[in-house]
Amino acid sequence: GQGANTASYAAWTLGAAISEATTYDEAWCSDVEQRILQYVRAVFDLSNARLQSPPPHMVELLIAAAQHAPIADYYASGFNHPLRMWKLNTNPAELRSLLAEFDWQNTRVAAMAA
């Protein structure tokens, strides 16, 4: 689950930081902690958000995913990329931009006309 994946990410991040560093001081510890926390916070916040009613822009994403396989694939891959999904969850403009990349508006209009 998310706990195991988060712990694995933290361990790999710490291991990489140890192998790359030459000095292990307080600044190094703080830097590594911030890199790990950025990911951990996104996982935690995204998991908690999924327990609530989705904001309107995320409902739009779910509708788009239900009707357009490439968007569904992108959404499903988001479970492996919690930072990316958290940005979409908290930023309606970023989600609109993503849907535009998939030409979602035009796809939806064409589907309604059919």
C-alpha atoms as a PDB file:
ATOM      1  CA  GLY A   1       0.000   0.000   0.000  1.00  0.00           C
ATOM      2  CA  GLN A   2       0.869   3.637   0.235  1.00  0.00           C
ATOM      3  CA  GLY A   3       2.803   3.200   3.479  1.00  0.00           C
ATOM      4  CA  ALA A   4       5.162   0.613   2.011  1.00  0.00           C
ATOM      5  CA  ASN A   5       5.656   2.613  -1.187  1.00  0.00           C
ATOM      6  CA  THR A   6       6.346   5.768   0.796  1.00  0.00           C
ATOM      7  CA  ALA A   7       8.851   3.995   3.032  1.00  0.00           C
ATOM      8  CA  SER A   8      10.572   2.517  -0.012  1.00  0.00           C
ATOM      9  CA  TYR A   9      10.766   5.950  -1.657  1.00  0.00           C
ATOM     10  CA  ALA A  10      12.216   7.461   1.520  1.00  0.00           C
ATOM     11  CA  ALA A  11      14.807   4.696   1.835  1.00  0.00           C
ATOM     12  CA  TRP A  12      15.931   5.046  -1.807  1.00  0.00           C
ATOM     13  CA  THR A  13      16.055   8.836  -1.546  1.00  0.00           C
ATOM     14  CA  LEU A  14      18.121   8.653   1.629  1.00  0.00           C
ATOM     15  CA  GLY A  15      20.417   5.999   0.160  1.00  0.00           C
ATOM     16  CA  ALA A  16      21.029   8.078  -2.964  1.00  0.00           C
ATOM     17  CA  ALA A  17      21.700  11.170  -0.865  1.00  0.00           C
ATOM     18  CA  ILE A  18      24.202   9.277   1.289  1.00  0.00           C
ATOM     19  CA  SER A  19      26.047   7.900  -1.737  1.00  0.00           C
ATOM     20  CA  GLU A  20      26.225  11.334  -3.411  1.00  0.00           C
ATOM     21  CA  ALA A  21      27.230  13.421  -0.400  1.00  0.00           C
ATOM     22  CA  THR A  22      30.641  14.211   0.961  1.00  0.00           C
ATOM     23  CA  THR A  23      29.420  16.106   4.019  1.00  0.00           C
ATOM     24  CA  TYR A  24      26.692  14.945   6.371  1.00  0.00           C
ATOM     25  CA  ASP A  25      25.808  18.043   8.352  1.00  0.00           C
ATOM     26  CA  GLU A  26      22.575  19.641   9.498  1.00  0.00           C
ATOM     27  CA  ALA A  27      22.025  21.333   6.130  1.00  0.00           C
ATOM     28  CA  TRP A  28      22.387  17.971   4.370  1.00  0.00           C
ATOM     29  CA  CYS A  29      19.882  16.386   6.768  1.00  0.00           C
ATOM     30  CA  SER A  30      17.422  19.218   6.193  1.00  0.00           C
ATOM     31  CA  ASP A  31      17.770  18.958   2.409  1.00  0.00           C
ATOM     32  CA  VAL A  32      17.172  15.194   2.405  1.00  0.00           C
ATOM     33  CA  GLU A  33      14.241  15.582   4.781  1.00  0.00           C
ATOM     34  CA  GLN A  34      12.620  18.170   2.492  1.00  0.00           C
ATOM     35  CA  ARG A  35      13.048  15.954  -0.577  1.00  0.00           C
ATOM     36  CA  ILE A  36      11.396  13.058   1.242  1.00  0.00           C
ATOM     37  CA  LEU A  37       8.646  15.193   2.786  1.00  0.00           C
ATOM     38  CA  GLN A  38       7.638  16.675  -0.563  1.00  0.00           C
ATOM     39  CA  TYR A  39       6.741  13.188  -1.768  1.00  0.00           C
ATOM     40  CA  VAL A  40       5.334  11.935   1.538  1.00  0.00           C
ATOM     41  CA  ARG A  41       3.050  14.946   1.943  1.00  0.00           C
ATOM     42  CA  ALA A  42       1.654  14.475  -1.554  1.00  0.00           C
ATOM     43  CA  VAL A  43       0.923  10.784  -0.885  1.00  0.00           C
ATOM     44  CA  PHE A  44      -0.651  11.548   2.482  1.00  0.00           C
ATOM     45  CA  ASP A  45      -2.715  14.502   1.260  1.00  0.00           C
ATOM     46  CA  LEU A  46      -3.832  12.707  -1.910  1.00  0.00           C
ATOM     47  CA  SER A  47      -4.863   9.609   0.041  1.00  0.00           C
ATOM     48  CA  ASN A  48      -6.872  11.740   2.453  1.00  0.00           C
ATOM     49  CA  ALA A  49      -8.434  13.725  -0.394  1.00  0.00           C
ATOM     50  CA  ARG A  50      -9.683  10.501  -1.966  1.00  0.00           C
ATOM     51  CA  LEU A  51     -11.661   9.856   1.207  1.00  0.00           C
ATOM     52  CA  GLN A  52     -13.620  13.086   0.654  1.00  0.00           C
ATOM     53  CA  SER A  53     -16.004  14.185  -2.061  1.00  0.00           C
ATOM     54  CA  PRO A  54     -13.886  15.271  -5.041  1.00  0.00           C
ATOM     55  CA  PRO A  55     -13.745  18.946  -5.981  1.00  0.00           C
ATOM     56  CA  PRO A  56     -15.637  19.838  -9.187  1.00  0.00           C
ATOM     57  CA  HIS A  57     -12.546  19.873 -11.386  1.00  0.00           C
ATOM     58  CA  MET A  58     -11.655  16.349 -10.270  1.00  0.00           C
ATOM     59  CA  VAL A  59     -15.192  15.224 -11.084  1.00  0.00           C
ATOM     60  CA  GLU A  60     -14.497  16.542 -14.583  1.00  0.00           C
ATOM     61  CA  LEU A  61     -11.337  14.416 -14.693  1.00  0.00           C
ATOM     62  CA  LEU A  62     -13.281  11.314 -13.628  1.00  0.00           C
ATOM     63  CA  ILE A  63     -15.933  11.970 -16.277  1.00  0.00           C
ATOM     64  CA  ALA A  64     -13.241  12.486 -18.906  1.00  0.00           C
ATOM     65  CA  ALA A  65     -11.461   9.296 -17.827  1.00  0.00           C
ATOM     66  CA  ALA A  66     -14.702   7.335 -18.042  1.00  0.00           C
ATOM     67  CA  GLN A  67     -15.209   8.470 -21.629  1.00  0.00           C
ATOM     68  CA  HIS A  68     -11.703   8.723 -23.058  1.00  0.00           C
ATOM     69  CA  ALA A  69      -9.269   5.800 -22.601  1.00  0.00           C
ATOM     70  CA  PRO A  70      -6.033   7.840 -22.854  1.00  0.00           C
ATOM     71  CA  ILE A  71      -7.230  10.067 -19.991  1.00  0.00           C
ATOM     72  CA  ALA A  72      -8.200   6.957 -18.015  1.00  0.00           C
ATOM     73  CA  ASP A  73      -4.696   5.585 -18.570  1.00  0.00           C
ATOM     74  CA  TYR A  74      -3.163   8.867 -17.420  1.00  0.00           C
ATOM     75  CA  TYR A  75      -5.361   8.876 -14.308  1.00  0.00           C
ATOM     76  CA  ALA A  76      -4.512   5.267 -13.477  1.00  0.00           C
ATOM     77  CA  SER A  77      -0.788   5.938 -13.883  1.00  0.00           C
ATOM     78  CA  GLY A  78      -1.188   8.737 -11.348  1.00  0.00           C
ATOM     79  CA  PHE A  79      -1.170   6.198  -8.554  1.00  0.00           C
ATOM     80  CA  ASN A  80       2.523   5.755  -9.351  1.00  0.00           C
ATOM     81  CA  HIS A  81       3.031   9.535  -9.472  1.00  0.00           C
ATOM     82  CA  PRO A  82       1.346  11.052  -6.405  1.00  0.00           C
ATOM     83  CA  LEU A  83       3.061  14.426  -6.780  1.00  0.00           C
ATOM     84  CA  ARG A  84       1.630  14.787 -10.278  1.00  0.00           C
ATOM     85  CA  MET A  85      -1.845  13.746  -9.133  1.00  0.00           C
ATOM     86  CA  TRP A  86      -1.747  16.027  -6.098  1.00  0.00           C
ATOM     87  CA  LYS A  87      -0.943  18.992  -8.350  1.00  0.00           C
ATOM     88  CA  LEU A  88      -3.982  18.151 -10.488  1.00  0.00           C
ATOM     89  CA  ASN A  89      -6.128  17.713  -7.393  1.00  0.00           C
ATOM     90  CA  THR A  90      -5.204  21.124  -6.019  1.00  0.00           C
ATOM     91  CA  ASN A  91      -4.903  23.136  -9.218  1.00  0.00           C
ATOM     92  CA  PRO A  92      -7.962  23.378 -11.498  1.00  0.00           C
ATOM     93  CA  ALA A  93      -5.983  25.339 -14.112  1.00  0.00           C
ATOM     94  CA  GLU A  94      -3.402  22.570 -14.365  1.00  0.00           C
ATOM     95  CA  LEU A  95      -6.177  20.023 -14.806  1.00  0.00           C
ATOM     96  CA  ARG A  96      -7.814  22.111 -17.543  1.00  0.00           C
ATOM     97  CA  SER A  97      -4.447  22.289 -19.288  1.00  0.00           C
ATOM     98  CA  LEU A  98      -4.064  18.517 -19.054  1.00  0.00           C
ATOM     99  CA  LEU A  99      -7.527  17.906 -20.478  1.00  0.00           C
ATOM    100  CA  ALA A 100      -6.747  20.317 -23.315  1.00  0.00           C
ATOM    101  CA  GLU A 101      -3.604  18.286 -24.107  1.00  0.00           C
ATOM    102  CA  PHE A 102      -5.902  15.296 -24.618  1.00  0.00           C
ATOM    103  CA  ASP A 103      -8.251  17.478 -26.694  1.00  0.00           C
ATOM    104  CA  TRP A 104     -10.927  16.582 -24.159  1.00  0.00           C
ATOM    105  CA  GLN A 105     -13.300  19.476 -24.869  1.00  0.00           C
ATOM    106  CA  ASN A 106     -13.406  18.610 -28.566  1.00  0.00           C
ATOM    107  CA  THR A 107     -13.772  14.912 -27.815  1.00  0.00           C
ATOM    108  CA  ARG A 108     -16.659  15.586 -25.458  1.00  0.00           C
ATOM    109  CA  VAL A 109     -18.423  17.910 -27.908  1.00  0.00           C
ATOM    110  CA  ALA A 110     -18.028  15.339 -30.703  1.00  0.00           C
ATOM    111  CA  ALA A 111     -19.415  12.591 -28.456  1.00  0.00           C
ATOM    112  CA  MET A 112     -22.422  14.727 -27.538  1.00  0.00           C
ATOM    113  CA  ALA A 113     -23.134  15.447 -31.207  1.00  0.00           C
ATOM    114  CA  ALA A 114     -23.044  11.751 -32.139  1.00  0.00           C
END
